[in-house]
Amino acid sequence: MTHHAVEEMAEDNLGIFDVEAAILNGQITKVERGDLRGPRYIIEGAGIDQSTPVGVVGRFKETGIFLIITVYEIT
C-alpha cells in the first residue's frame, strides 16, 4: 500500500479492514491500460460494515504483488 493510499484511507475515515473487504468481496469495474508500469485495476466493493462503498485502485508489480495505489469512499 502506498503512502498516498494510507493518507486517502484516513481522510475518508476508512480502515484497513474496509479495504480488505472491498477487495475480497467487490469486483473489478474497470481496467486502465496504457501506463508503461502496467494496467491499473479499479475495484469497487463494500467496506466491512457492508454498506460503505469503497473504491480501490492498484496494479500488479513485476513480483506479482498487488500494490494499492489509492483508496476512497465512493460518493
PDB file of N, CA and C in Angstrom:
ATOM      1  N   MET A   1       0.858  -1.166   0.000  1.00  0.00           N
ATOM      2  CA  MET A   1       0.000   0.000   0.000  1.00  0.00           C
ATOM      3  C   MET A   1       0.906   1.232   0.000  1.00  0.00           C
ATOM      4  N   THR A   2       0.621   2.151  -0.908  1.00  0.00           N
ATOM      5  CA  THR A   2       1.426   3.365  -0.976  1.00  0.00           C
ATOM      6  C   THR A   2       1.080   4.304   0.173  1.00  0.00           C
ATOM      7  N   HIS A   3       1.981   5.233   0.435  1.00  0.00           N
ATOM      8  CA  HIS A   3       1.740   6.257   1.458  1.00  0.00           C
ATOM      9  C   HIS A   3       0.498   7.068   1.089  1.00  0.00           C
ATOM     10  N   HIS A   4       0.356   7.357  -0.196  1.00  0.00           N
ATOM     11  CA  HIS A   4      -0.817   8.101  -0.672  1.00  0.00           C
ATOM     12  C   HIS A   4      -2.106   7.358  -0.333  1.00  0.00           C
ATOM     13  N   ALA A   5      -2.124   6.048  -0.528  1.00  0.00           N
ATOM     14  CA  ALA A   5      -3.316   5.250  -0.224  1.00  0.00           C
ATOM     15  C   ALA A   5      -3.654   5.314   1.256  1.00  0.00           C
ATOM     16  N   VAL A   6      -2.650   5.260   2.107  1.00  0.00           N
ATOM     17  CA  VAL A   6      -2.868   5.339   3.553  1.00  0.00           C
ATOM     18  C   VAL A   6      -3.460   6.704   3.926  1.00  0.00           C
ATOM     19  N   GLU A   7      -2.935   7.768   3.335  1.00  0.00           N
ATOM     20  CA  GLU A   7      -3.453   9.115   3.599  1.00  0.00           C
ATOM     21  C   GLU A   7      -4.906   9.244   3.157  1.00  0.00           C
ATOM     22  N   GLU A   8      -5.203   8.754   1.945  1.00  0.00           N
ATOM     23  CA  GLU A   8      -6.567   8.851   1.423  1.00  0.00           C
ATOM     24  C   GLU A   8      -7.542   8.002   2.242  1.00  0.00           C
ATOM     25  N   MET A   9      -7.084   6.850   2.682  1.00  0.00           N
ATOM     26  CA  MET A   9      -7.903   5.974   3.511  1.00  0.00           C
ATOM     27  C   MET A   9      -8.285   6.698   4.803  1.00  0.00           C
ATOM     28  N   ALA A  10      -7.317   7.335   5.443  1.00  0.00           N
ATOM     29  CA  ALA A  10      -7.566   8.067   6.685  1.00  0.00           C
ATOM     30  C   ALA A  10      -8.477   9.266   6.439  1.00  0.00           C
ATOM     31  N   GLU A  11      -8.272   9.961   5.332  1.00  0.00           N
ATOM     32  CA  GLU A  11      -9.066  11.144   5.003  1.00  0.00           C
ATOM     33  C   GLU A  11     -10.552  10.805   4.845  1.00  0.00           C
ATOM     34  N   ASP A  12     -10.832   9.601   4.340  1.00  0.00           N
ATOM     35  CA  ASP A  12     -12.220   9.169   4.147  1.00  0.00           C
ATOM     36  C   ASP A  12     -12.736   8.309   5.306  1.00  0.00           C
ATOM     37  N   ASN A  13     -11.983   8.297   6.411  1.00  0.00           N
ATOM     38  CA  ASN A  13     -12.373   7.526   7.603  1.00  0.00           C
ATOM     39  C   ASN A  13     -12.575   6.039   7.300  1.00  0.00           C
ATOM     40  N   LEU A  14     -11.700   5.499   6.484  1.00  0.00           N
ATOM     41  CA  LEU A  14     -11.739   4.077   6.163  1.00  0.00           C
ATOM     42  C   LEU A  14     -10.599   3.377   6.889  1.00  0.00           C
ATOM     43  N   GLY A  15     -10.795   2.118   7.195  1.00  0.00           N
ATOM     44  CA  GLY A  15      -9.755   1.330   7.842  1.00  0.00           C
ATOM     45  C   GLY A  15      -9.260   0.241   6.919  1.00  0.00           C
ATOM     46  N   ILE A  16      -8.209  -0.414   7.339  1.00  0.00           N
ATOM     47  CA  ILE A  16      -7.618  -1.473   6.522  1.00  0.00           C
ATOM     48  C   ILE A  16      -8.610  -2.609   6.286  1.00  0.00           C
ATOM     49  N   PHE A  17      -9.498  -2.858   7.256  1.00  0.00           N
ATOM     50  CA  PHE A  17     -10.490  -3.918   7.067  1.00  0.00           C
ATOM     51  C   PHE A  17     -11.537  -3.530   6.025  1.00  0.00           C
ATOM     52  N   ASP A  18     -11.803  -2.229   5.874  1.00  0.00           N
ATOM     53  CA  ASP A  18     -12.701  -1.771   4.809  1.00  0.00           C
ATOM     54  C   ASP A  18     -12.082  -2.054   3.440  1.00  0.00           C
ATOM     55  N   VAL A  19     -10.794  -1.792   3.320  1.00  0.00           N
ATOM     56  CA  VAL A  19     -10.083  -2.029   2.064  1.00  0.00           C
ATOM     57  C   VAL A  19     -10.054  -3.526   1.754  1.00  0.00           C
ATOM     58  N   GLU A  20      -9.745  -4.309   2.759  1.00  0.00           N
ATOM     59  CA  GLU A  20      -9.698  -5.765   2.579  1.00  0.00           C
ATOM     60  C   GLU A  20     -11.054  -6.314   2.144  1.00  0.00           C
ATOM     61  N   ALA A  21     -12.128  -5.868   2.815  1.00  0.00           N
ATOM     62  CA  ALA A  21     -13.476  -6.338   2.472  1.00  0.00           C
ATOM     63  C   ALA A  21     -13.837  -5.945   1.040  1.00  0.00           C
ATOM     64  N   ALA A  22     -13.495  -4.715   0.646  1.00  0.00           N
ATOM     65  CA  ALA A  22     -13.811  -4.252  -0.707  1.00  0.00           C
ATOM     66  C   ALA A  22     -13.094  -5.095  -1.755  1.00  0.00           C
ATOM     67  N   ILE A  23     -11.837  -5.433  -1.498  1.00  0.00           N
ATOM     68  CA  ILE A  23     -11.069  -6.239  -2.454  1.00  0.00           C
ATOM     69  C   ILE A  23     -11.597  -7.669  -2.507  1.00  0.00           C
ATOM     70  N   LEU A  24     -11.830  -8.256  -1.345  1.00  0.00           N
ATOM     71  CA  LEU A  24     -12.238  -9.659  -1.305  1.00  0.00           C
ATOM     72  C   LEU A  24     -13.657  -9.892  -1.798  1.00  0.00           C
ATOM     73  N   ASN A  25     -14.552  -8.932  -1.562  1.00  0.00           N
ATOM     74  CA  ASN A  25     -15.969  -9.132  -1.896  1.00  0.00           C
ATOM     75  C   ASN A  25     -16.458  -8.252  -3.035  1.00  0.00           C
ATOM     76  N   GLY A  26     -15.605  -7.347  -3.508  1.00  0.00           N
ATOM     77  CA  GLY A  26     -16.002  -6.449  -4.586  1.00  0.00           C
ATOM     78  C   GLY A  26     -15.705  -7.047  -5.950  1.00  0.00           C
ATOM     79  N   GLN A  27     -15.711  -6.177  -6.929  1.00  0.00           N
ATOM     80  CA  GLN A  27     -15.423  -6.635  -8.282  1.00  0.00           C
ATOM     81  C   GLN A  27     -14.613  -5.590  -9.038  1.00  0.00           C
ATOM     82  N   ILE A  28     -13.870  -6.037 -10.012  1.00  0.00           N
ATOM     83  CA  ILE A  28     -13.123  -5.126 -10.872  1.00  0.00           C
ATOM     84  C   ILE A  28     -14.126  -4.458 -11.792  1.00  0.00           C
ATOM     85  N   THR A  29     -14.199  -3.140 -11.723  1.00  0.00           N
ATOM     86  CA  THR A  29     -15.162  -2.407 -12.544  1.00  0.00           C
ATOM     87  C   THR A  29     -14.521  -1.766 -13.760  1.00  0.00           C
ATOM     88  N   LYS A  30     -13.181  -1.646 -13.734  1.00  0.00           N
ATOM     89  CA  LYS A  30     -12.502  -1.017 -14.858  1.00  0.00           C
ATOM     90  C   LYS A  30     -11.032  -1.413 -14.829  1.00  0.00           C
ATOM     91  N   VAL A  31     -10.453  -1.549 -16.007  1.00  0.00           N
ATOM     92  CA  VAL A  31      -9.012  -1.769 -16.140  1.00  0.00           C
ATOM     93  C   VAL A  31      -8.488  -0.657 -17.036  1.00  0.00           C
ATOM     94  N   GLU A  32      -7.567   0.141 -16.501  1.00  0.00           N
ATOM     95  CA  GLU A  32      -6.977   1.235 -17.265  1.00  0.00           C
ATOM     96  C   GLU A  32      -5.627   0.784 -17.805  1.00  0.00           C
ATOM     97  N   ARG A  33      -5.515   0.777 -19.110  1.00  0.00           N
ATOM     98  CA  ARG A  33      -4.276   0.351 -19.761  1.00  0.00           C
ATOM     99  C   ARG A  33      -3.572   1.574 -20.342  1.00  0.00           C
ATOM    100  N   GLY A  34      -2.372   1.388 -20.792  1.00  0.00           N
ATOM    101  CA  GLY A  34      -1.660   2.493 -21.433  1.00  0.00           C
ATOM    102  C   GLY A  34      -0.524   3.044 -20.590  1.00  0.00           C
ATOM    103  N   ASP A  35      -0.416   2.651 -19.341  1.00  0.00           N
ATOM    104  CA  ASP A  35       0.690   3.073 -18.483  1.00  0.00           C
ATOM    105  C   ASP A  35       1.814   2.062 -18.648  1.00  0.00           C
ATOM    106  N   LEU A  36       3.019   2.537 -18.826  1.00  0.00           N
ATOM    107  CA  LEU A  36       4.157   1.646 -19.015  1.00  0.00           C
ATOM    108  C   LEU A  36       4.415   0.749 -17.809  1.00  0.00           C
ATOM    109  N   ARG A  37       3.944   1.168 -16.632  1.00  0.00           N
ATOM    110  CA  ARG A  37       4.137   0.365 -15.418  1.00  0.00           C
ATOM    111  C   ARG A  37       3.150  -0.784 -15.326  1.00  0.00           C
ATOM    112  N   GLY A  38       2.169  -0.804 -16.218  1.00  0.00           N
ATOM    113  CA  GLY A  38       1.189  -1.887 -16.230  1.00  0.00           C
ATOM    114  C   GLY A  38      -0.218  -1.382 -16.011  1.00  0.00           C
ATOM    115  N   PRO A  39      -1.200  -2.235 -16.249  1.00  0.00           N
ATOM    116  CA  PRO A  39      -2.599  -1.827 -16.091  1.00  0.00           C
ATOM    117  C   PRO A  39      -2.947  -1.528 -14.639  1.00  0.00           C
ATOM    118  N   ARG A  40      -3.877  -0.593 -14.466  1.00  0.00           N
ATOM    119  CA  ARG A  40      -4.411  -0.278 -13.138  1.00  0.00           C
ATOM    120  C   ARG A  40      -5.808  -0.861 -13.052  1.00  0.00           C
ATOM    121  N   TYR A  41      -6.076  -1.518 -11.945  1.00  0.00           N
ATOM    122  CA  TYR A  41      -7.369  -2.148 -11.717  1.00  0.00           C
ATOM    123  C   TYR A  41      -8.163  -1.334 -10.712  1.00  0.00           C
ATOM    124  N   ILE A  42      -9.404  -1.001 -11.082  1.00  0.00           N
ATOM    125  CA  ILE A  42     -10.307  -0.297 -10.180  1.00  0.00           C
ATOM    126  C   ILE A  42     -11.281  -1.330  -9.638  1.00  0.00           C
ATOM    127  N   ILE A  43     -11.271  -1.474  -8.320  1.00  0.00           N
ATOM    128  CA  ILE A  43     -12.131  -2.434  -7.637  1.00  0.00           C
ATOM    129  C   ILE A  43     -13.136  -1.650  -6.808  1.00  0.00           C
ATOM    130  N   GLU A  44     -14.392  -2.032  -6.890  1.00  0.00           N
ATOM    131  CA  GLU A  44     -15.436  -1.407  -6.080  1.00  0.00           C
ATOM    132  C   GLU A  44     -16.127  -2.479  -5.260  1.00  0.00           C
ATOM    133  N   GLY A  45     -16.298  -2.195  -3.984  1.00  0.00           N
ATOM    134  CA  GLY A  45     -16.957  -3.137  -3.090  1.00  0.00           C
ATOM    135  C   GLY A  45     -17.386  -2.435  -1.820  1.00  0.00           C
ATOM    136  N   ALA A  46     -18.008  -3.164  -0.945  1.00  0.00           N
ATOM    137  CA  ALA A  46     -18.486  -2.606   0.325  1.00  0.00           C
ATOM    138  C   ALA A  46     -17.412  -2.751   1.387  1.00  0.00           C
ATOM    139  N   GLY A  47     -17.380  -1.783   2.296  1.00  0.00           N
ATOM    140  CA  GLY A  47     -16.479  -1.850   3.439  1.00  0.00           C
ATOM    141  C   GLY A  47     -16.920  -2.935   4.401  1.00  0.00           C
ATOM    142  N   ILE A  48     -16.253  -3.007   5.521  1.00  0.00           N
ATOM    143  CA  ILE A  48     -16.503  -4.059   6.498  1.00  0.00           C
ATOM    144  C   ILE A  48     -17.939  -4.007   7.041  1.00  0.00           C
ATOM    145  N   ASP A  49     -18.556  -2.816   7.030  1.00  0.00           N
ATOM    146  CA  ASP A  49     -19.941  -2.689   7.516  1.00  0.00           C
ATOM    147  C   ASP A  49     -20.968  -3.115   6.468  1.00  0.00           C
ATOM    148  N   GLN A  50     -20.494  -3.520   5.300  1.00  0.00           N
ATOM    149  CA  GLN A  50     -21.328  -3.972   4.185  1.00  0.00           C
ATOM    150  C   GLN A  50     -22.237  -2.885   3.615  1.00  0.00           C
ATOM    151  N   SER A  51     -22.015  -1.610   3.996  1.00  0.00           N
ATOM    152  CA  SER A  51     -22.842  -0.548   3.431  1.00  0.00           C
ATOM    153  C   SER A  51     -22.015   0.621   2.887  1.00  0.00           C
ATOM    154  N   THR A  52     -20.796   0.800   3.350  1.00  0.00           N
ATOM    155  CA  THR A  52     -19.961   1.883   2.863  1.00  0.00           C
ATOM    156  C   THR A  52     -19.303   1.468   1.553  1.00  0.00           C
ATOM    157  N   PRO A  53     -19.606   2.182   0.450  1.00  0.00           N
ATOM    158  CA  PRO A  53     -18.986   1.829  -0.827  1.00  0.00           C
ATOM    159  C   PRO A  53     -17.531   2.302  -0.881  1.00  0.00           C
ATOM    160  N   VAL A  54     -16.635   1.389  -1.229  1.00  0.00           N
ATOM    161  CA  VAL A  54     -15.203   1.671  -1.214  1.00  0.00           C
ATOM    162  C   VAL A  54     -14.612   1.388  -2.589  1.00  0.00           C
ATOM    163  N   GLY A  55     -13.765   2.299  -3.045  1.00  0.00           N
ATOM    164  CA  GLY A  55     -13.019   2.107  -4.281  1.00  0.00           C
ATOM    165  C   GLY A  55     -11.554   1.881  -3.970  1.00  0.00           C
ATOM    166  N   VAL A  56     -10.949   0.960  -4.674  1.00  0.00           N
ATOM    167  CA  VAL A  56      -9.530   0.647  -4.503  1.00  0.00           C
ATOM    168  C   VAL A  56      -8.898   0.627  -5.887  1.00  0.00           C
ATOM    169  N   VAL A  57      -7.770   1.318  -6.032  1.00  0.00           N
ATOM    170  CA  VAL A  57      -7.047   1.330  -7.303  1.00  0.00           C
ATOM    171  C   VAL A  57      -5.668   0.744  -7.047  1.00  0.00           C
ATOM    172  N   GLY A  58      -5.289  -0.214  -7.885  1.00  0.00           N
ATOM    173  CA  GLY A  58      -3.978  -0.828  -7.708  1.00  0.00           C
ATOM    174  C   GLY A  58      -3.477  -1.472  -8.979  1.00  0.00           C
ATOM    175  N   ARG A  59      -2.270  -1.964  -8.897  1.00  0.00           N
ATOM    176  CA  ARG A  59      -1.660  -2.660 -10.038  1.00  0.00           C
ATOM    177  C   ARG A  59      -0.770  -3.774  -9.511  1.00  0.00           C
ATOM    178  N   PHE A  60      -0.547  -4.747 -10.363  1.00  0.00           N
ATOM    179  CA  PHE A  60       0.361  -5.836 -10.018  1.00  0.00           C
ATOM    180  C   PHE A  60       1.784  -5.416 -10.352  1.00  0.00           C
ATOM    181  N   LYS A  61       2.665  -5.566  -9.390  1.00  0.00           N
ATOM    182  CA  LYS A  61       4.080  -5.284  -9.609  1.00  0.00           C
ATOM    183  C   LYS A  61       4.716  -6.481 -10.312  1.00  0.00           C
ATOM    184  N   GLU A  62       5.923  -6.286 -10.806  1.00  0.00           N
ATOM    185  CA  GLU A  62       6.615  -7.364 -11.513  1.00  0.00           C
ATOM    186  C   GLU A  62       6.865  -8.581 -10.623  1.00  0.00           C
ATOM    187  N   THR A  63       6.784  -8.396  -9.300  1.00  0.00           N
ATOM    188  CA  THR A  63       6.947  -9.503  -8.350  1.00  0.00           C
ATOM    189  C   THR A  63       5.662 -10.296  -8.148  1.00  0.00           C
ATOM    190  N   GLY A  64       4.549  -9.798  -8.718  1.00  0.00           N
ATOM    191  CA  GLY A  64       3.260 -10.453  -8.556  1.00  0.00           C
ATOM    192  C   GLY A  64       2.438  -9.898  -7.407  1.00  0.00           C
ATOM    193  N   ILE A  65       3.012  -8.981  -6.649  1.00  0.00           N
ATOM    194  CA  ILE A  65       2.301  -8.377  -5.516  1.00  0.00           C
ATOM    195  C   ILE A  65       1.372  -7.287  -6.032  1.00  0.00           C
ATOM    196  N   PHE A  66       0.159  -7.222  -5.461  1.00  0.00           N
ATOM    197  CA  PHE A  66      -0.803  -6.184  -5.835  1.00  0.00           C
ATOM    198  C   PHE A  66      -0.526  -4.948  -4.992  1.00  0.00           C
ATOM    199  N   LEU A  67      -0.119  -3.861  -5.629  1.00  0.00           N
ATOM    200  CA  LEU A  67       0.187  -2.601  -4.961  1.00  0.00           C
ATOM    201  C   LEU A  67      -1.059  -1.720  -4.958  1.00  0.00           C
ATOM    202  N   ILE A  68      -1.535  -1.367  -3.785  1.00  0.00           N
ATOM    203  CA  ILE A  68      -2.699  -0.489  -3.662  1.00  0.00           C
ATOM    204  C   ILE A  68      -2.198   0.946  -3.800  1.00  0.00           C
ATOM    205  N   ILE A  69      -2.685   1.632  -4.835  1.00  0.00           N
ATOM    206  CA  ILE A  69      -2.227   2.985  -5.153  1.00  0.00           C
ATOM    207  C   ILE A  69      -3.052   4.025  -4.411  1.00  0.00           C
ATOM    208  N   THR A  70      -4.366   3.845  -4.390  1.00  0.00           N
ATOM    209  CA  THR A  70      -5.234   4.764  -3.659  1.00  0.00           C
ATOM    210  C   THR A  70      -6.503   4.052  -3.232  1.00  0.00           C
ATOM    211  N   VAL A  71      -7.161   4.641  -2.255  1.00  0.00           N
ATOM    212  CA  VAL A  71      -8.388   4.111  -1.675  1.00  0.00           C
ATOM    213  C   VAL A  71      -9.314   5.303  -1.456  1.00  0.00           C
ATOM    214  N   TYR A  72     -10.611   5.097  -1.650  1.00  0.00           N
ATOM    215  CA  TYR A  72     -11.549   6.203  -1.452  1.00  0.00           C
ATOM    216  C   TYR A  72     -12.956   5.661  -1.176  1.00  0.00           C
ATOM    217  N   GLU A  73     -13.741   6.493  -0.489  1.00  0.00           N
ATOM    218  CA  GLU A  73     -15.152   6.175  -0.322  1.00  0.00           C
ATOM    219  C   GLU A  73     -15.877   6.674  -1.556  1.00  0.00           C
ATOM    220  N   ILE A  74     -16.677   5.830  -2.153  1.00  0.00           N
ATOM    221  CA  ILE A  74     -17.428   6.199  -3.346  1.00  0.00           C
ATOM    222  C   ILE A  74     -18.627   7.026  -2.926  1.00  0.00           C
ATOM    223  N   THR A  75     -18.726   8.219  -3.487  1.00  0.00           N
ATOM    224  CA  THR A  75     -19.862   9.092  -3.134  1.00  0.00           C
ATOM    225  C   THR A  75     -20.780   9.304  -4.311  1.00  0.00           C
TER     226      THR A  75
END
